[in-house]
Amino acid sequence: MSDPTRPPGPRIISITNQKGGVGKTTTTINLGAALADEGFNVLIVDLDPQGNASTGLGIEVDDRDFTTYDLLLESADLQDVIKTTNVEGLLIAPATIDLASADIEMMASEKRSFLLFDALRQPKMDVYELDFILIDCPPSLSLLTVNAMVASHSVLIPLQSEFFALEGLSQLMLSVREVRQSANSDLRIEGIVLTMFDGRNNLSLQVDADARETLGELVFKTVIPRNVRVSEAPSFAMPVISYDPGSKGSQAYRALAQEMVERLKQTAS
C-alpha cells in the first residue's frame, strides 16, 4: 500500500530502442543535462552493461564500487550507488559490464520484472527530491529493458534518421503493449525523437515525413541534428550543453527538454 505521507515521485522515463547506434545514450545524457539546466533534479539510471552513460558523465570505472547491478541484485544502499556529476542537478546510478549477467541472474527471482520498480520507489529516494529519472536501456528487448518499462511511466524512443529506421519500431511498440497488458497498465509512449538528422539529406527528410505520417503527434517537433560537437562531447566526459553550449546539438537538446516539459504540463492540465 502506498504511503500518503510521502511526496509525489519523479517522472520515470525509459529511453529505449532495441537497435544500437541510434543516439539512445547520447539522448539520455544530453536530455538529462538539459532538464537539469532548466532547474530540475534528474537521475540517470545506466542500465546498459556497456556503461557508456556513466563514462560520458565522467564516472571512472574504478569509482563504480556500487552499480545498478548491485541495486537490482544485491539490495545495495542507494547512497552508495548514486553518484554526483559535473552537471549541477544531474545524478547517475552507474553501470559496469557486471550488468551483462543480470538477465540470467534475475530469472531466479519471482519478482524478476519488478526489481527496478522496487529499487526506484524505496523511501530513501525521497531525499534526492528528484523531478525526473531517465533510464538508459540496453540495445535489446531483454529482461533489463522489461524492468525499465515496468518501472517507468513512459518510454522515449530515439529514432535514427536513416534507412530502415521505422523497421523494428513495430516490435518495440509490441513490447510496450505487452508490458502494458501484463505488468504496467499505465505505461505510455512519451514520444519519438528523430536523431542524427541532416536537413541537406533527402533520406533524413523522407524518414522525418514518414515518421510523422505514420506516428503523428507521438513524434517530437524537435529533431536532433547530426552534429560533430555532440559526437565529441563524450570523449571529454561532458554533455554537449556543457562542452559547447552554443552548438546546434546543444540547442536541440535544450529545445527537446522544453518541449517534453510543455507536453507533460498539457497532459497534467
Protein backbone atom coordinates (compact mmCIF):
# COMPACT_ATOMS: atom_id res chain seq x y z
CA MET A 1 0.00 0.00 0.00
CA SER A 2 1.38 3.42 -0.93
CA ASP A 3 2.25 5.87 1.82
CA PRO A 4 0.10 9.03 1.53
CA THR A 5 2.60 10.99 3.62
CA ARG A 6 5.37 10.56 1.02
CA PRO A 7 5.90 13.30 -1.58
CA PRO A 8 4.91 12.56 -5.18
CA GLY A 9 7.67 10.76 -7.00
CA PRO A 10 9.64 11.75 -10.08
CA ARG A 11 8.62 11.18 -13.68
CA ILE A 12 10.38 7.96 -14.73
CA ILE A 13 11.17 7.64 -18.44
CA SER A 14 12.86 4.72 -20.20
CA ILE A 15 14.93 5.75 -23.20
CA THR A 16 14.99 2.69 -25.38
CA ASN A 17 15.39 1.26 -28.85
CA GLN A 18 16.50 -2.30 -29.48
CA LYS A 19 18.70 -1.08 -32.34
CA GLY A 20 22.16 0.10 -31.39
CA GLY A 21 23.73 3.31 -32.65
CA VAL A 22 20.54 5.38 -32.73
CA GLY A 23 21.65 8.00 -30.20
CA LYS A 24 19.98 6.42 -27.18
CA THR A 25 22.75 7.04 -24.65
CA THR A 26 23.59 10.41 -26.19
CA THR A 27 19.94 11.43 -25.81
CA THR A 28 19.82 10.18 -22.22
CA ILE A 29 22.90 12.17 -21.20
CA ASN A 30 22.00 15.38 -23.00
CA LEU A 31 18.29 15.39 -22.24
CA GLY A 32 19.18 14.81 -18.58
CA ALA A 33 21.67 17.68 -18.64
CA ALA A 34 19.20 19.97 -20.42
CA LEU A 35 16.48 19.20 -17.85
CA ALA A 36 18.96 19.86 -15.04
CA ASP A 37 19.86 23.15 -16.72
CA GLU A 38 16.15 24.03 -16.60
CA GLY A 39 16.30 23.65 -12.82
CA PHE A 40 15.03 20.09 -12.44
CA ASN A 41 16.67 17.41 -10.29
CA VAL A 42 17.48 14.48 -12.57
CA LEU A 43 18.82 10.96 -12.02
CA ILE A 44 20.15 8.90 -14.92
CA VAL A 45 19.98 5.15 -14.33
CA ASP A 46 22.58 3.43 -16.52
CA LEU A 47 21.05 0.05 -17.36
CA ASP A 48 23.36 -0.71 -20.28
CA PRO A 49 26.24 -3.12 -19.47
CA GLN A 50 28.48 -1.04 -21.74
CA GLY A 51 28.24 1.75 -19.16
CA ASN A 52 28.56 4.47 -21.79
CA ALA A 53 26.27 6.92 -19.99
CA SER A 54 28.47 6.56 -16.89
CA THR A 55 31.65 7.14 -18.87
CA GLY A 56 30.08 10.02 -20.77
CA LEU A 57 29.38 11.79 -17.49
CA GLY A 58 32.88 11.31 -16.13
CA ILE A 59 32.38 8.36 -13.75
CA GLU A 60 35.57 6.31 -13.97
CA VAL A 61 35.22 2.52 -13.86
CA ASP A 62 37.39 2.41 -10.71
CA ASP A 63 34.92 4.73 -9.00
CA ARG A 64 31.93 2.47 -9.70
CA ASP A 65 32.19 0.47 -6.49
CA PHE A 66 28.41 0.01 -6.43
CA THR A 67 26.35 -0.01 -9.60
CA THR A 68 22.89 -0.69 -10.98
CA TYR A 69 23.80 -4.39 -10.83
CA ASP A 70 24.08 -4.06 -7.04
CA LEU A 71 20.88 -2.03 -6.96
CA LEU A 72 18.96 -4.77 -8.78
CA LEU A 73 20.50 -7.92 -7.36
CA GLU A 74 22.38 -7.09 -4.16
CA SER A 75 19.98 -4.64 -2.44
CA ALA A 76 22.77 -2.07 -2.35
CA ASP A 77 22.21 1.17 -0.48
CA LEU A 78 21.13 3.94 -2.84
CA GLN A 79 23.57 6.41 -1.32
CA ASP A 80 26.39 4.05 -2.29
CA VAL A 81 25.17 3.61 -5.87
CA ILE A 82 24.17 7.15 -6.87
CA LYS A 83 27.00 9.47 -7.92
CA THR A 84 27.10 13.20 -8.50
CA THR A 85 28.25 14.50 -11.88
CA ASN A 86 29.88 17.73 -13.02
CA VAL A 87 26.43 18.99 -14.04
CA GLU A 88 24.55 20.63 -11.18
CA GLY A 89 21.26 18.83 -10.53
CA LEU A 90 22.26 15.73 -12.50
CA LEU A 91 23.00 12.44 -10.72
CA ILE A 92 23.79 9.00 -12.10
CA ALA A 93 23.48 5.39 -10.99
CA PRO A 94 26.39 3.94 -12.99
CA ALA A 95 26.79 0.56 -14.68
CA THR A 96 29.64 -1.81 -15.48
CA ILE A 97 29.98 -4.97 -17.54
CA ASP A 98 28.77 -6.90 -14.45
CA LEU A 99 25.28 -6.00 -15.62
CA ALA A 100 25.72 -8.31 -18.63
CA SER A 101 24.91 -11.33 -16.44
CA ALA A 102 21.93 -9.69 -14.74
CA ASP A 103 19.34 -11.12 -17.15
CA ILE A 104 20.30 -14.68 -16.23
CA GLU A 105 20.58 -13.98 -12.50
CA MET A 106 17.23 -12.17 -12.36
CA MET A 107 15.44 -15.21 -13.74
CA ALA A 108 15.73 -16.86 -10.32
CA SER A 109 13.69 -14.10 -8.68
CA GLU A 110 9.90 -14.34 -8.51
CA LYS A 111 9.81 -10.56 -8.83
CA ARG A 112 12.30 -10.52 -11.71
CA SER A 113 10.36 -7.95 -13.74
CA PHE A 114 9.82 -5.63 -10.75
CA LEU A 115 13.32 -5.36 -9.27
CA LEU A 116 13.98 -1.90 -10.70
CA PHE A 117 10.41 -0.78 -9.91
CA ASP A 118 11.02 -1.55 -6.23
CA ALA A 119 14.53 -0.05 -6.21
CA LEU A 120 13.35 3.29 -7.61
CA ARG A 121 10.41 3.59 -5.20
CA GLN A 122 12.08 2.91 -1.88
CA PRO A 123 11.66 5.70 0.69
CA LYS A 124 15.39 6.52 0.57
CA MET A 125 14.78 8.04 -2.89
CA ASP A 126 12.85 10.91 -1.31
CA VAL A 127 15.99 12.63 -0.02
CA TYR A 128 17.09 13.37 -3.60
CA GLU A 129 13.86 15.30 -4.38
CA LEU A 130 14.02 14.11 -7.98
CA ASP A 131 11.84 15.50 -10.74
CA PHE A 132 12.94 13.06 -13.46
CA ILE A 133 14.56 9.64 -13.67
CA LEU A 134 15.87 8.74 -17.13
CA ILE A 135 16.74 5.08 -17.69
CA ASP A 136 19.33 4.34 -20.38
CA CYS A 137 18.29 0.89 -21.60
CA PRO A 138 20.49 -1.70 -23.33
CA PRO A 139 20.08 -2.04 -27.11
CA SER A 140 17.94 -5.17 -26.83
CA LEU A 141 14.49 -6.21 -25.66
CA SER A 142 15.94 -8.04 -22.66
CA LEU A 143 14.78 -8.57 -19.09
CA LEU A 144 16.71 -5.42 -18.18
CA THR A 145 14.62 -3.46 -20.69
CA VAL A 146 11.44 -5.08 -19.35
CA ASN A 147 12.47 -3.99 -15.84
CA ALA A 148 12.93 -0.46 -17.12
CA MET A 149 9.49 -0.41 -18.78
CA VAL A 150 7.78 -1.87 -15.71
CA ALA A 151 9.44 0.79 -13.54
CA SER A 152 8.60 3.68 -15.88
CA HIS A 153 5.71 5.99 -16.50
CA SER A 154 6.65 6.27 -20.17
CA VAL A 155 9.04 5.33 -22.95
CA LEU A 156 11.04 7.77 -25.07
CA ILE A 157 12.24 6.31 -28.38
CA PRO A 158 15.20 7.80 -30.28
CA LEU A 159 14.76 7.09 -33.99
CA GLN A 160 17.76 7.42 -36.29
CA SER A 161 17.08 9.41 -39.46
CA GLU A 162 18.32 6.65 -41.77
CA PHE A 163 17.03 3.85 -43.98
CA PHE A 164 15.21 1.05 -42.12
CA ALA A 165 14.68 3.40 -39.16
CA LEU A 166 10.99 2.54 -38.88
CA GLU A 167 11.65 -1.18 -39.22
CA GLY A 168 11.91 -2.74 -35.80
CA LEU A 169 9.87 0.04 -34.25
CA SER A 170 6.78 -2.15 -34.51
CA GLN A 171 8.50 -4.83 -32.38
CA LEU A 172 9.32 -2.22 -29.74
CA MET A 173 5.74 -0.95 -29.78
CA LEU A 174 4.56 -4.55 -29.36
CA SER A 175 6.84 -4.97 -26.35
CA VAL A 176 5.42 -1.80 -24.81
CA ARG A 177 1.91 -3.15 -25.35
CA GLU A 178 2.82 -6.50 -23.75
CA VAL A 179 4.26 -4.76 -20.67
CA ARG A 180 1.15 -2.57 -20.51
CA GLN A 181 -1.08 -5.63 -20.58
CA SER A 182 0.91 -7.72 -18.13
CA ALA A 183 2.74 -5.54 -15.61
CA ASN A 184 2.33 -1.78 -16.06
CA SER A 185 -1.06 -0.71 -17.39
CA ASP A 186 -0.14 2.98 -17.13
CA LEU A 187 2.93 2.77 -19.40
CA ARG A 188 2.68 5.16 -22.33
CA ILE A 189 4.85 6.41 -25.18
CA GLU A 190 6.40 9.71 -24.09
CA GLY A 191 7.35 10.38 -27.68
CA ILE A 192 9.68 9.58 -30.54
CA VAL A 193 12.64 11.84 -31.24
CA LEU A 194 14.44 11.84 -34.57
CA THR A 195 18.22 11.75 -34.10
CA MET A 196 21.23 12.24 -36.40
CA PHE A 197 19.06 14.38 -38.66
CA ASP A 198 20.66 16.06 -41.68
CA GLY A 199 18.35 18.58 -43.35
CA ARG A 200 20.53 18.54 -46.51
CA ASN A 201 19.92 14.82 -46.92
CA ASN A 202 16.81 13.70 -48.79
CA LEU A 203 16.77 10.45 -46.82
CA SER A 204 16.59 12.29 -43.49
CA LEU A 205 13.74 14.40 -44.82
CA GLN A 206 11.92 11.27 -46.06
CA VAL A 207 12.32 9.47 -42.71
CA ASP A 208 11.02 12.60 -40.96
CA ALA A 209 8.00 12.75 -43.27
CA ASP A 210 7.28 9.01 -42.97
CA ALA A 211 7.57 9.05 -39.18
CA ARG A 212 5.20 11.99 -38.81
CA GLU A 213 2.72 10.49 -41.27
CA THR A 214 2.79 7.11 -39.52
CA LEU A 215 3.09 8.19 -35.89
CA GLY A 216 1.60 11.68 -35.87
CA GLU A 217 1.76 13.60 -32.60
CA LEU A 218 3.99 10.96 -30.99
CA VAL A 219 6.94 12.45 -32.90
CA PHE A 220 8.52 15.43 -31.18
CA LYS A 221 8.71 18.62 -33.23
CA THR A 222 12.33 18.94 -32.14
CA VAL A 223 14.85 16.93 -34.16
CA ILE A 224 18.42 16.24 -33.08
CA PRO A 225 20.86 17.15 -35.86
CA ARG A 226 23.93 15.22 -36.85
CA ASN A 227 26.47 17.43 -35.09
CA VAL A 228 30.19 16.95 -34.52
CA ARG A 229 30.03 18.64 -31.10
CA VAL A 230 27.51 16.05 -29.90
CA SER A 231 29.91 13.31 -31.02
CA GLU A 232 32.96 14.96 -29.41
CA ALA A 233 31.43 15.73 -26.01
CA PRO A 234 31.53 12.18 -24.51
CA SER A 235 35.30 11.95 -25.06
CA PHE A 236 35.59 14.92 -22.70
CA ALA A 237 33.15 13.26 -20.24
CA MET A 238 30.68 16.09 -20.70
CA PRO A 239 27.19 16.57 -22.11
CA VAL A 240 27.17 18.77 -25.20
CA ILE A 241 25.38 21.63 -23.41
CA SER A 242 28.46 21.92 -21.17
CA TYR A 243 31.03 21.16 -23.86
CA ASP A 244 29.69 23.64 -26.41
CA PRO A 245 26.57 25.48 -25.20
CA GLY A 246 26.15 27.35 -28.48
CA SER A 247 26.28 24.33 -30.79
CA LYS A 248 23.29 23.17 -32.80
CA GLY A 249 23.28 19.91 -30.87
CA SER A 250 23.15 21.74 -27.55
CA GLN A 251 20.33 23.97 -28.73
CA ALA A 252 18.39 20.95 -29.98
CA TYR A 253 18.59 19.07 -26.68
CA ARG A 254 17.52 22.18 -24.77
CA ALA A 255 14.55 22.50 -27.14
CA LEU A 256 13.70 18.81 -26.66
CA ALA A 257 13.72 19.21 -22.87
CA GLN A 258 11.48 22.26 -23.08
CA GLU A 259 9.09 20.55 -25.49
CA MET A 260 8.85 17.47 -23.28
CA VAL A 261 8.16 19.53 -20.16
CA GLU A 262 5.50 21.51 -22.03
CA ARG A 263 3.85 18.28 -23.19
CA LEU A 264 3.80 16.98 -19.62
CA LYS A 265 2.20 20.21 -18.40
CA GLN A 266 -0.51 19.91 -21.04
CA THR A 267 -1.15 16.28 -20.13
CA ALA A 268 -1.43 17.15 -16.44
CA SER A 269 -3.84 20.05 -17.00
